[in-house]
């Protein structure tokens, strides 16, 4: 078995049925569905046990006390027994033929076990349907033709990509970069870890839709403001890192403004960030002022 499809869930019993149906319908069953239940109280465990008894696809279920998505993700990586790892959120479903596409990509690019090199995994699309991309256009043309098939995730966005991606990771890479578990907080921006992976690894570009996202009102994507208010230390870490690694540009000035704002909100002194020169910290002051005036976080 090559692939683990990992789903962190919290009180999403009804939504999980959609994910389960999409997994059952895969043409290739060379995967395990690993569910980490982050303290659900809606009978999720009982429903999953029914599916386990059906025996249609291999399912591994773990229940933990509620600690947030990123802690659940860390547990999922710990429990994973396969070389490859794909996170399928509880409000998403797997596109038809997705597992077969992943296995084919691994084999065609000779990404066999023990040959990790500089490859973190595979980068593909997320769709609003199996034929329509979610929130954006396709990858830059240079990755769709010719021999350029590798990129970092942030590098893709710096080249103008604005859409949503699905990432398939080598499990060993994720074990090197667990999400920080911060006392009193339950969320860390995923890009905080992805930026660290980008510093060492690249992805194989596979321009197909692997997951389909049907957003729900209580989902993570619809609650960014609440996430920022309740996880100030995590967002400080994210903006401090982005302010350091982004090339000088309007985007960097934006990150410097957010960095200054969240440093103060999280109780840090600006001089603590030795990796950002003093003159760059000063450049972020106008952005910080505008964020405070507009009330944007």
C-alpha atoms as a PDB file:
ATOM      1  CA  UNK A   1       0.000   0.000   0.000  1.00  0.00           C
ATOM      2  CA  UNK A   2       1.518   3.322  -1.125  1.00  0.00           C
ATOM      3  CA  UNK A   3      -0.878   6.072  -0.027  1.00  0.00           C
ATOM      4  CA  UNK A   4      -2.654   7.251   3.103  1.00  0.00           C
ATOM      5  CA  UNK A   5      -5.657   9.533   2.640  1.00  0.00           C
ATOM      6  CA  UNK A   6      -5.813  11.409   5.936  1.00  0.00           C
ATOM      7  CA  UNK A   7      -8.907  13.198   7.229  1.00  0.00           C
ATOM      8  CA  UNK A   8      -8.939  15.277  10.430  1.00  0.00           C
ATOM      9  CA  UNK A   9     -12.504  15.782  11.611  1.00  0.00           C
ATOM     10  CA  UNK A  10     -14.470  17.474  14.354  1.00  0.00           C
ATOM     11  CA  UNK A  11     -18.261  17.102  14.507  1.00  0.00           C
ATOM     12  CA  UNK A  12     -18.544  16.518  10.746  1.00  0.00           C
ATOM     13  CA  UNK A  13     -20.435  13.195  10.784  1.00  0.00           C
ATOM     14  CA  UNK A  14     -22.764  14.074   7.923  1.00  0.00           C
ATOM     15  CA  UNK A  15     -20.054  15.626   5.741  1.00  0.00           C
ATOM     16  CA  UNK A  16     -17.808  12.581   6.147  1.00  0.00           C
ATOM     17  CA  UNK A  17     -20.333  10.506   4.212  1.00  0.00           C
ATOM     18  CA  UNK A  18     -19.466  12.453   1.065  1.00  0.00           C
ATOM     19  CA  UNK A  19     -15.756  11.788   1.528  1.00  0.00           C
ATOM     20  CA  UNK A  20     -16.443   8.100   2.148  1.00  0.00           C
ATOM     21  CA  UNK A  21     -18.492   7.743  -1.040  1.00  0.00           C
ATOM     22  CA  UNK A  22     -15.706   9.372  -3.062  1.00  0.00           C
ATOM     23  CA  UNK A  23     -13.139   6.974  -1.623  1.00  0.00           C
ATOM     24  CA  UNK A  24     -15.276   3.913  -2.264  1.00  0.00           C
ATOM     25  CA  UNK A  25     -15.672   4.918  -5.917  1.00  0.00           C
ATOM     26  CA  UNK A  26     -11.917   5.129  -6.624  1.00  0.00           C
ATOM     27  CA  UNK A  27     -10.738   2.859  -9.429  1.00  0.00           C
ATOM     28  CA  UNK A  28      -7.528   2.138  -7.513  1.00  0.00           C
ATOM     29  CA  UNK A  29      -7.769   1.033  -3.872  1.00  0.00           C
ATOM     30  CA  UNK A  30      -4.037   1.149  -3.110  1.00  0.00           C
ATOM     31  CA  UNK A  31      -4.658   3.408  -0.105  1.00  0.00           C
ATOM     32  CA  UNK A  32      -5.757   3.513   3.519  1.00  0.00           C
ATOM     33  CA  UNK A  33      -8.222   6.071   4.887  1.00  0.00           C
ATOM     34  CA  UNK A  34      -6.815   7.386   8.161  1.00  0.00           C
ATOM     35  CA  UNK A  35      -9.265   9.407  10.271  1.00  0.00           C
ATOM     36  CA  UNK A  36      -8.200  11.376  13.328  1.00  0.00           C
ATOM     37  CA  UNK A  37     -11.305  12.439  15.244  1.00  0.00           C
ATOM     38  CA  UNK A  38     -10.458  15.648  17.110  1.00  0.00           C
ATOM     39  CA  UNK A  39     -12.904  15.128  19.990  1.00  0.00           C
ATOM     40  CA  UNK A  40     -16.208  14.894  18.092  1.00  0.00           C
ATOM     41  CA  UNK A  41     -19.395  14.509  20.118  1.00  0.00           C
ATOM     42  CA  UNK A  42     -21.796  13.843  17.225  1.00  0.00           C
ATOM     43  CA  UNK A  43     -21.409  10.073  16.868  1.00  0.00           C
ATOM     44  CA  UNK A  44     -18.647  10.230  14.260  1.00  0.00           C
ATOM     45  CA  UNK A  45     -16.881   7.234  15.800  1.00  0.00           C
ATOM     46  CA  UNK A  46     -19.970   5.022  15.669  1.00  0.00           C
ATOM     47  CA  UNK A  47     -20.532   5.838  11.995  1.00  0.00           C
ATOM     48  CA  UNK A  48     -16.905   5.166  11.065  1.00  0.00           C
ATOM     49  CA  UNK A  49     -17.029   1.806  12.826  1.00  0.00           C
ATOM     50  CA  UNK A  50     -19.975   0.838  10.609  1.00  0.00           C
ATOM     51  CA  UNK A  51     -17.845   1.659   7.553  1.00  0.00           C
ATOM     52  CA  UNK A  52     -14.918  -0.323   8.959  1.00  0.00           C
ATOM     53  CA  UNK A  53     -17.208  -3.342   9.368  1.00  0.00           C
ATOM     54  CA  UNK A  54     -18.360  -2.983   5.745  1.00  0.00           C
ATOM     55  CA  UNK A  55     -14.787  -3.764   4.703  1.00  0.00           C
ATOM     56  CA  UNK A  56     -15.018  -1.955   1.354  1.00  0.00           C
ATOM     57  CA  UNK A  57     -11.880   0.122   1.885  1.00  0.00           C
ATOM     58  CA  UNK A  58      -9.244  -0.099   4.639  1.00  0.00           C
ATOM     59  CA  UNK A  59     -10.008   2.471   7.366  1.00  0.00           C
ATOM     60  CA  UNK A  60      -7.987   3.351  10.458  1.00  0.00           C
ATOM     61  CA  UNK A  61      -9.742   5.484  13.094  1.00  0.00           C
ATOM     62  CA  UNK A  62      -8.219   7.320  16.063  1.00  0.00           C
ATOM     63  CA  UNK A  63     -10.020   9.489  18.620  1.00  0.00           C
ATOM     64  CA  UNK A  64      -8.179  12.297  20.433  1.00  0.00           C
ATOM     65  CA  UNK A  65      -9.181  15.091  22.778  1.00  0.00           C
ATOM     66  CA  UNK A  66      -9.985  18.314  20.935  1.00  0.00           C
ATOM     67  CA  UNK A  67      -6.769  20.160  20.174  1.00  0.00           C
ATOM     68  CA  UNK A  68      -7.322  21.674  16.737  1.00  0.00           C
ATOM     69  CA  UNK A  69      -6.651  20.676  13.158  1.00  0.00           C
ATOM     70  CA  UNK A  70      -2.866  21.024  13.271  1.00  0.00           C
ATOM     71  CA  UNK A  71      -2.457  18.765  16.314  1.00  0.00           C
ATOM     72  CA  UNK A  72      -4.712  16.238  14.569  1.00  0.00           C
ATOM     73  CA  UNK A  73      -2.484  16.554  11.486  1.00  0.00           C
ATOM     74  CA  UNK A  74       0.610  15.821  13.581  1.00  0.00           C
ATOM     75  CA  UNK A  75      -1.081  12.726  15.011  1.00  0.00           C
ATOM     76  CA  UNK A  76      -2.057  11.612  11.513  1.00  0.00           C
ATOM     77  CA  UNK A  77       1.546  11.814  10.335  1.00  0.00           C
ATOM     78  CA  UNK A  78       2.621   9.819  13.394  1.00  0.00           C
ATOM     79  CA  UNK A  79       0.035   7.090  12.725  1.00  0.00           C
ATOM     80  CA  UNK A  80       0.681   6.919   8.969  1.00  0.00           C
ATOM     81  CA  UNK A  81       2.186   3.624   7.766  1.00  0.00           C
ATOM     82  CA  UNK A  82       2.626   4.444   4.062  1.00  0.00           C
ATOM     83  CA  UNK A  83       5.248   6.388   2.128  1.00  0.00           C
ATOM     84  CA  UNK A  84       2.750   8.900   0.712  1.00  0.00           C
ATOM     85  CA  UNK A  85       0.284  11.141   2.555  1.00  0.00           C
ATOM     86  CA  UNK A  86      -2.669  13.191   1.237  1.00  0.00           C
ATOM     87  CA  UNK A  87      -4.828  15.340   3.520  1.00  0.00           C
ATOM     88  CA  UNK A  88      -8.506  15.269   2.551  1.00  0.00           C
ATOM     89  CA  UNK A  89     -10.458  17.737   4.687  1.00  0.00           C
ATOM     90  CA  UNK A  90     -13.782  16.572   6.089  1.00  0.00           C
ATOM     91  CA  UNK A  91     -15.710  18.990   3.841  1.00  0.00           C
ATOM     92  CA  UNK A  92     -13.895  17.801   0.687  1.00  0.00           C
ATOM     93  CA  UNK A  93     -14.139  14.728  -1.509  1.00  0.00           C
ATOM     94  CA  UNK A  94     -11.648  12.924  -3.686  1.00  0.00           C
ATOM     95  CA  UNK A  95     -12.036  13.431  -7.430  1.00  0.00           C
ATOM     96  CA  UNK A  96     -12.816  10.423  -9.570  1.00  0.00           C
ATOM     97  CA  UNK A  97      -9.612   8.555 -10.427  1.00  0.00           C
ATOM     98  CA  UNK A  98      -7.491  10.656  -8.033  1.00  0.00           C
ATOM     99  CA  UNK A  99      -5.700   7.731  -6.399  1.00  0.00           C
ATOM    100  CA  UNK A 100      -4.851   6.222  -9.791  1.00  0.00           C
ATOM    101  CA  UNK A 101      -3.464   9.608 -10.944  1.00  0.00           C
ATOM    102  CA  UNK A 102      -1.262   9.847  -7.845  1.00  0.00           C
ATOM    103  CA  UNK A 103       0.092   6.309  -8.179  1.00  0.00           C
ATOM    104  CA  UNK A 104       0.778   6.837 -11.880  1.00  0.00           C
ATOM    105  CA  UNK A 105       2.670  10.074 -11.161  1.00  0.00           C
ATOM    106  CA  UNK A 106       4.793   8.352  -8.515  1.00  0.00           C
ATOM    107  CA  UNK A 107       5.662   5.534 -10.917  1.00  0.00           C
ATOM    108  CA  UNK A 108       6.211   7.701 -14.015  1.00  0.00           C
ATOM    109  CA  UNK A 109       8.597  10.021 -12.138  1.00  0.00           C
ATOM    110  CA  UNK A 110      10.341   7.085 -10.470  1.00  0.00           C
ATOM    111  CA  UNK A 111       9.600   8.452  -6.994  1.00  0.00           C
ATOM    112  CA  UNK A 112      10.254   5.075  -5.442  1.00  0.00           C
ATOM    113  CA  UNK A 113      10.979   4.466  -1.778  1.00  0.00           C
ATOM    114  CA  UNK A 114      14.506   5.368  -0.768  1.00  0.00           C
ATOM    115  CA  UNK A 115      14.992   7.935  -3.555  1.00  0.00           C
ATOM    116  CA  UNK A 116      13.624  10.976  -1.750  1.00  0.00           C
ATOM    117  CA  UNK A 117      16.268  13.464  -2.912  1.00  0.00           C
ATOM    118  CA  UNK A 118      14.794  16.940  -3.212  1.00  0.00           C
ATOM    119  CA  UNK A 119      11.213  15.855  -3.909  1.00  0.00           C
ATOM    120  CA  UNK A 120       8.654  16.682  -1.194  1.00  0.00           C
ATOM    121  CA  UNK A 121       5.757  15.306  -3.179  1.00  0.00           C
ATOM    122  CA  UNK A 122       3.202  16.201  -5.826  1.00  0.00           C
ATOM    123  CA  UNK A 123       1.339  19.479  -6.346  1.00  0.00           C
ATOM    124  CA  UNK A 124      -2.038  19.445  -8.098  1.00  0.00           C
ATOM    125  CA  UNK A 125      -5.289  21.388  -8.243  1.00  0.00           C
ATOM    126  CA  UNK A 126      -8.259  21.644  -5.924  1.00  0.00           C
ATOM    127  CA  UNK A 127     -11.562  22.101  -7.732  1.00  0.00           C
ATOM    128  CA  UNK A 128     -15.047  23.382  -7.033  1.00  0.00           C
ATOM    129  CA  UNK A 129     -16.064  20.463  -9.238  1.00  0.00           C
ATOM    130  CA  UNK A 130     -14.176  17.724 -11.027  1.00  0.00           C
ATOM    131  CA  UNK A 131     -13.813  19.997 -14.071  1.00  0.00           C
ATOM    132  CA  UNK A 132     -13.670  23.528 -12.611  1.00  0.00           C
ATOM    133  CA  UNK A 133     -10.765  24.918 -10.596  1.00  0.00           C
ATOM    134  CA  UNK A 134     -11.379  26.444  -7.170  1.00  0.00           C
ATOM    135  CA  UNK A 135     -10.659  30.170  -6.784  1.00  0.00           C
ATOM    136  CA  UNK A 136      -8.286  30.801  -9.625  1.00  0.00           C
ATOM    137  CA  UNK A 137      -6.699  29.917 -12.934  1.00  0.00           C
ATOM    138  CA  UNK A 138      -4.318  27.109 -13.793  1.00  0.00           C
ATOM    139  CA  UNK A 139      -0.613  26.838 -13.120  1.00  0.00           C
ATOM    140  CA  UNK A 140       1.705  29.138 -15.125  1.00  0.00           C
ATOM    141  CA  UNK A 141       2.205  27.918 -18.698  1.00  0.00           C
ATOM    142  CA  UNK A 142       5.875  27.083 -18.108  1.00  0.00           C
ATOM    143  CA  UNK A 143       4.792  24.204 -15.846  1.00  0.00           C
ATOM    144  CA  UNK A 144       2.250  22.829 -18.306  1.00  0.00           C
ATOM    145  CA  UNK A 145       4.554  22.160 -21.236  1.00  0.00           C
ATOM    146  CA  UNK A 146       8.200  21.363 -21.829  1.00  0.00           C
ATOM    147  CA  UNK A 147      10.528  19.936 -19.211  1.00  0.00           C
ATOM    148  CA  UNK A 148       9.835  22.255 -16.269  1.00  0.00           C
ATOM    149  CA  UNK A 149       7.880  19.987 -13.943  1.00  0.00           C
ATOM    150  CA  UNK A 150       9.210  20.991 -10.518  1.00  0.00           C
ATOM    151  CA  UNK A 151       8.538  23.981  -8.289  1.00  0.00           C
ATOM    152  CA  UNK A 152       8.271  25.088  -4.698  1.00  0.00           C
ATOM    153  CA  UNK A 153       4.777  25.914  -3.500  1.00  0.00           C
ATOM    154  CA  UNK A 154       5.535  29.563  -2.663  1.00  0.00           C
ATOM    155  CA  UNK A 155       7.501  29.904  -5.886  1.00  0.00           C
ATOM    156  CA  UNK A 156       4.374  28.973  -7.799  1.00  0.00           C
ATOM    157  CA  UNK A 157       2.430  31.823  -6.173  1.00  0.00           C
ATOM    158  CA  UNK A 158       5.270  34.296  -6.648  1.00  0.00           C
ATOM    159  CA  UNK A 159       5.003  33.552 -10.374  1.00  0.00           C
ATOM    160  CA  UNK A 160       1.364  34.662 -10.356  1.00  0.00           C
ATOM    161  CA  UNK A 161      -0.627  31.538  -9.540  1.00  0.00           C
ATOM    162  CA  UNK A 162      -3.721  32.428  -7.489  1.00  0.00           C
ATOM    163  CA  UNK A 163      -5.646  29.179  -7.189  1.00  0.00           C
ATOM    164  CA  UNK A 164      -5.968  26.408  -4.624  1.00  0.00           C
ATOM    165  CA  UNK A 165      -3.711  23.370  -4.565  1.00  0.00           C
ATOM    166  CA  UNK A 166      -3.825  19.784  -3.394  1.00  0.00           C
ATOM    167  CA  UNK A 167      -0.534  18.486  -2.011  1.00  0.00           C
ATOM    168  CA  UNK A 168       0.569  14.857  -1.807  1.00  0.00           C
ATOM    169  CA  UNK A 169       3.562  14.535   0.516  1.00  0.00           C
ATOM    170  CA  UNK A 170       6.212  12.018   1.268  1.00  0.00           C
ATOM    171  CA  UNK A 171       5.354  11.075   4.833  1.00  0.00           C
ATOM    172  CA  UNK A 172       9.031  11.283   5.777  1.00  0.00           C
ATOM    173  CA  UNK A 173       9.130  14.959   4.784  1.00  0.00           C
ATOM    174  CA  UNK A 174       6.122  15.788   6.971  1.00  0.00           C
ATOM    175  CA  UNK A 175       7.763  14.018   9.886  1.00  0.00           C
ATOM    176  CA  UNK A 176      10.670  16.424   9.576  1.00  0.00           C
ATOM    177  CA  UNK A 177       8.343  19.438   9.821  1.00  0.00           C
ATOM    178  CA  UNK A 178       5.527  18.957  12.365  1.00  0.00           C
ATOM    179  CA  UNK A 179       3.196  21.844  13.098  1.00  0.00           C
ATOM    180  CA  UNK A 180       4.073  23.737  16.301  1.00  0.00           C
ATOM    181  CA  UNK A 181       1.683  22.943  19.131  1.00  0.00           C
ATOM    182  CA  UNK A 182       1.146  26.225  20.962  1.00  0.00           C
ATOM    183  CA  UNK A 183      -0.423  26.319  24.425  1.00  0.00           C
ATOM    184  CA  UNK A 184      -3.861  27.905  24.319  1.00  0.00           C
ATOM    185  CA  UNK A 185      -4.047  27.885  20.502  1.00  0.00           C
ATOM    186  CA  UNK A 186      -5.530  25.345  18.083  1.00  0.00           C
ATOM    187  CA  UNK A 187      -4.511  26.523  14.623  1.00  0.00           C
ATOM    188  CA  UNK A 188      -1.349  27.255  12.670  1.00  0.00           C
ATOM    189  CA  UNK A 189      -1.425  28.499   9.033  1.00  0.00           C
ATOM    190  CA  UNK A 190      -0.475  25.565   6.823  1.00  0.00           C
ATOM    191  CA  UNK A 191       1.889  27.765   4.805  1.00  0.00           C
ATOM    192  CA  UNK A 192       4.070  28.244   7.889  1.00  0.00           C
ATOM    193  CA  UNK A 193       5.229  24.638   7.515  1.00  0.00           C
ATOM    194  CA  UNK A 194       5.016  24.588   3.720  1.00  0.00           C
ATOM    195  CA  UNK A 195       7.450  27.529   3.536  1.00  0.00           C
ATOM    196  CA  UNK A 196       9.948  25.552   5.618  1.00  0.00           C
ATOM    197  CA  UNK A 197       9.576  22.576   3.283  1.00  0.00           C
ATOM    198  CA  UNK A 198      10.072  24.908   0.291  1.00  0.00           C
ATOM    199  CA  UNK A 199      13.487  25.879   1.642  1.00  0.00           C
ATOM    200  CA  UNK A 200      14.709  22.307   1.087  1.00  0.00           C
ATOM    201  CA  UNK A 201      12.377  20.518  -1.323  1.00  0.00           C
ATOM    202  CA  UNK A 202      10.405  20.891  -4.551  1.00  0.00           C
ATOM    203  CA  UNK A 203       7.201  19.312  -5.863  1.00  0.00           C
ATOM    204  CA  UNK A 204       6.388  17.453  -9.054  1.00  0.00           C
ATOM    205  CA  UNK A 205       3.680  19.431 -10.891  1.00  0.00           C
ATOM    206  CA  UNK A 206       0.649  17.349 -11.891  1.00  0.00           C
ATOM    207  CA  UNK A 207      -2.006  19.682 -13.371  1.00  0.00           C
ATOM    208  CA  UNK A 208      -5.125  17.654 -12.577  1.00  0.00           C
ATOM    209  CA  UNK A 209      -7.888  18.143 -10.004  1.00  0.00           C
ATOM    210  CA  UNK A 210      -7.369  15.685  -7.133  1.00  0.00           C
ATOM    211  CA  UNK A 211      -9.786  17.017  -4.525  1.00  0.00           C
ATOM    212  CA  UNK A 212     -13.116  18.797  -4.762  1.00  0.00           C
ATOM    213  CA  UNK A 213     -13.990  21.378  -2.123  1.00  0.00           C
ATOM    214  CA  UNK A 214     -17.597  22.172  -1.287  1.00  0.00           C
ATOM    215  CA  UNK A 215     -17.259  24.866   1.366  1.00  0.00           C
ATOM    216  CA  UNK A 216     -19.560  24.936   4.365  1.00  0.00           C
ATOM    217  CA  UNK A 217     -20.322  28.012   6.450  1.00  0.00           C
ATOM    218  CA  UNK A 218     -18.638  26.671   9.586  1.00  0.00           C
ATOM    219  CA  UNK A 219     -15.507  25.483   7.772  1.00  0.00           C
ATOM    220  CA  UNK A 220     -11.976  26.724   8.336  1.00  0.00           C
ATOM    221  CA  UNK A 221     -11.912  28.765   5.142  1.00  0.00           C
ATOM    222  CA  UNK A 222     -14.955  30.780   6.225  1.00  0.00           C
ATOM    223  CA  UNK A 223     -13.605  31.595   9.682  1.00  0.00           C
ATOM    224  CA  UNK A 224     -10.227  33.207   9.014  1.00  0.00           C
ATOM    225  CA  UNK A 225     -10.923  36.228  11.209  1.00  0.00           C
ATOM    226  CA  UNK A 226     -11.830  34.042  14.174  1.00  0.00           C
ATOM    227  CA  UNK A 227      -8.722  31.928  13.576  1.00  0.00           C
ATOM    228  CA  UNK A 228      -6.544  35.031  13.672  1.00  0.00           C
ATOM    229  CA  UNK A 229      -8.151  36.404  16.809  1.00  0.00           C
ATOM    230  CA  UNK A 230      -7.733  33.120  18.681  1.00  0.00           C
ATOM    231  CA  UNK A 231      -4.283  32.124  17.427  1.00  0.00           C
ATOM    232  CA  UNK A 232      -2.158  35.266  17.548  1.00  0.00           C
ATOM    233  CA  UNK A 233       1.149  33.518  18.274  1.00  0.00           C
ATOM    234  CA  UNK A 234       0.719  31.187  15.285  1.00  0.00           C
ATOM    235  CA  UNK A 235      -0.046  34.057  12.926  1.00  0.00           C
ATOM    236  CA  UNK A 236       2.924  35.993  14.296  1.00  0.00           C
ATOM    237  CA  UNK A 237       5.183  33.049  13.414  1.00  0.00           C
ATOM    238  CA  UNK A 238       3.677  32.919   9.930  1.00  0.00           C
ATOM    239  CA  UNK A 239       3.969  36.642   9.148  1.00  0.00           C
ATOM    240  CA  UNK A 240       7.469  36.908  10.630  1.00  0.00           C
ATOM    241  CA  UNK A 241       8.607  34.065   8.389  1.00  0.00           C
ATOM    242  CA  UNK A 242       6.888  35.450   5.284  1.00  0.00           C
ATOM    243  CA  UNK A 243       8.380  38.907   5.950  1.00  0.00           C
ATOM    244  CA  UNK A 244      11.840  37.319   6.001  1.00  0.00           C
ATOM    245  CA  UNK A 245      11.598  35.102   2.920  1.00  0.00           C
ATOM    246  CA  UNK A 246       9.596  37.248   0.489  1.00  0.00           C
ATOM    247  CA  UNK A 247      11.676  39.216  -2.071  1.00  0.00           C
ATOM    248  CA  UNK A 248      11.482  43.019  -1.835  1.00  0.00           C
ATOM    249  CA  UNK A 249       8.140  43.993  -3.347  1.00  0.00           C
ATOM    250  CA  UNK A 250       4.717  45.393  -2.448  1.00  0.00           C
ATOM    251  CA  UNK A 251       3.892  41.927  -1.128  1.00  0.00           C
ATOM    252  CA  UNK A 252       6.876  42.045   1.230  1.00  0.00           C
ATOM    253  CA  UNK A 253       5.722  45.444   2.546  1.00  0.00           C
ATOM    254  CA  UNK A 254       2.322  43.889   3.223  1.00  0.00           C
ATOM    255  CA  UNK A 255       3.888  41.050   5.193  1.00  0.00           C
ATOM    256  CA  UNK A 256       6.094  43.478   7.128  1.00  0.00           C
ATOM    257  CA  UNK A 257       2.990  45.408   8.167  1.00  0.00           C
ATOM    258  CA  UNK A 258       1.245  42.236   9.346  1.00  0.00           C
ATOM    259  CA  UNK A 259       4.433  41.091  11.079  1.00  0.00           C
ATOM    260  CA  UNK A 260       4.620  44.304  13.112  1.00  0.00           C
ATOM    261  CA  UNK A 261       0.922  44.101  13.994  1.00  0.00           C
ATOM    262  CA  UNK A 262       0.997  40.476  15.158  1.00  0.00           C
ATOM    263  CA  UNK A 263       4.305  40.853  16.965  1.00  0.00           C
ATOM    264  CA  UNK A 264       2.616  43.394  19.222  1.00  0.00           C
ATOM    265  CA  UNK A 265      -0.655  41.444  19.469  1.00  0.00           C
ATOM    266  CA  UNK A 266       1.258  38.318  20.532  1.00  0.00           C
ATOM    267  CA  UNK A 267       3.424  40.227  23.011  1.00  0.00           C
ATOM    268  CA  UNK A 268       6.714  40.154  21.119  1.00  0.00           C
ATOM    269  CA  UNK A 269       9.180  43.001  20.826  1.00  0.00           C
ATOM    270  CA  UNK A 270      10.171  43.767  17.253  1.00  0.00           C
ATOM    271  CA  UNK A 271      13.871  43.470  18.014  1.00  0.00           C
ATOM    272  CA  UNK A 272      13.336  39.760  18.780  1.00  0.00           C
ATOM    273  CA  UNK A 273      13.256  38.947  15.035  1.00  0.00           C
ATOM    274  CA  UNK A 274      16.961  38.981  14.297  1.00  0.00           C
ATOM    275  CA  UNK A 275      16.403  37.744  10.737  1.00  0.00           C
ATOM    276  CA  UNK A 276      14.636  40.949   9.647  1.00  0.00           C
ATOM    277  CA  UNK A 277      16.884  44.027   9.322  1.00  0.00           C
ATOM    278  CA  UNK A 278      15.849  47.117  11.292  1.00  0.00           C
ATOM    279  CA  UNK A 279      15.315  49.145   8.108  1.00  0.00           C
ATOM    280  CA  UNK A 280      12.845  46.541   6.828  1.00  0.00           C
ATOM    281  CA  UNK A 281      10.963  46.569  10.117  1.00  0.00           C
ATOM    282  CA  UNK A 282      10.627  50.347   9.705  1.00  0.00           C
ATOM    283  CA  UNK A 283       9.269  49.873   6.170  1.00  0.00           C
ATOM    284  CA  UNK A 284       6.402  47.897   7.661  1.00  0.00           C
ATOM    285  CA  UNK A 285       5.226  50.766   9.867  1.00  0.00           C
ATOM    286  CA  UNK A 286       2.857  52.397   7.319  1.00  0.00           C
ATOM    287  CA  UNK A 287       1.270  49.013   6.644  1.00  0.00           C
ATOM    288  CA  UNK A 288       0.768  48.399  10.339  1.00  0.00           C
ATOM    289  CA  UNK A 289      -0.905  51.800  10.732  1.00  0.00           C
ATOM    290  CA  UNK A 290      -3.274  51.117   7.811  1.00  0.00           C
ATOM    291  CA  UNK A 291      -4.189  47.706   9.222  1.00  0.00           C
ATOM    292  CA  UNK A 292      -5.075  49.297  12.559  1.00  0.00           C
ATOM    293  CA  UNK A 293      -7.090  52.082  10.920  1.00  0.00           C
ATOM    294  CA  UNK A 294      -9.045  49.703   8.679  1.00  0.00           C
ATOM    295  CA  UNK A 295      -9.455  47.068  11.359  1.00  0.00           C
ATOM    296  CA  UNK A 296      -8.152  44.372   9.053  1.00  0.00           C
ATOM    297  CA  UNK A 297      -6.266  41.473  10.587  1.00  0.00           C
END
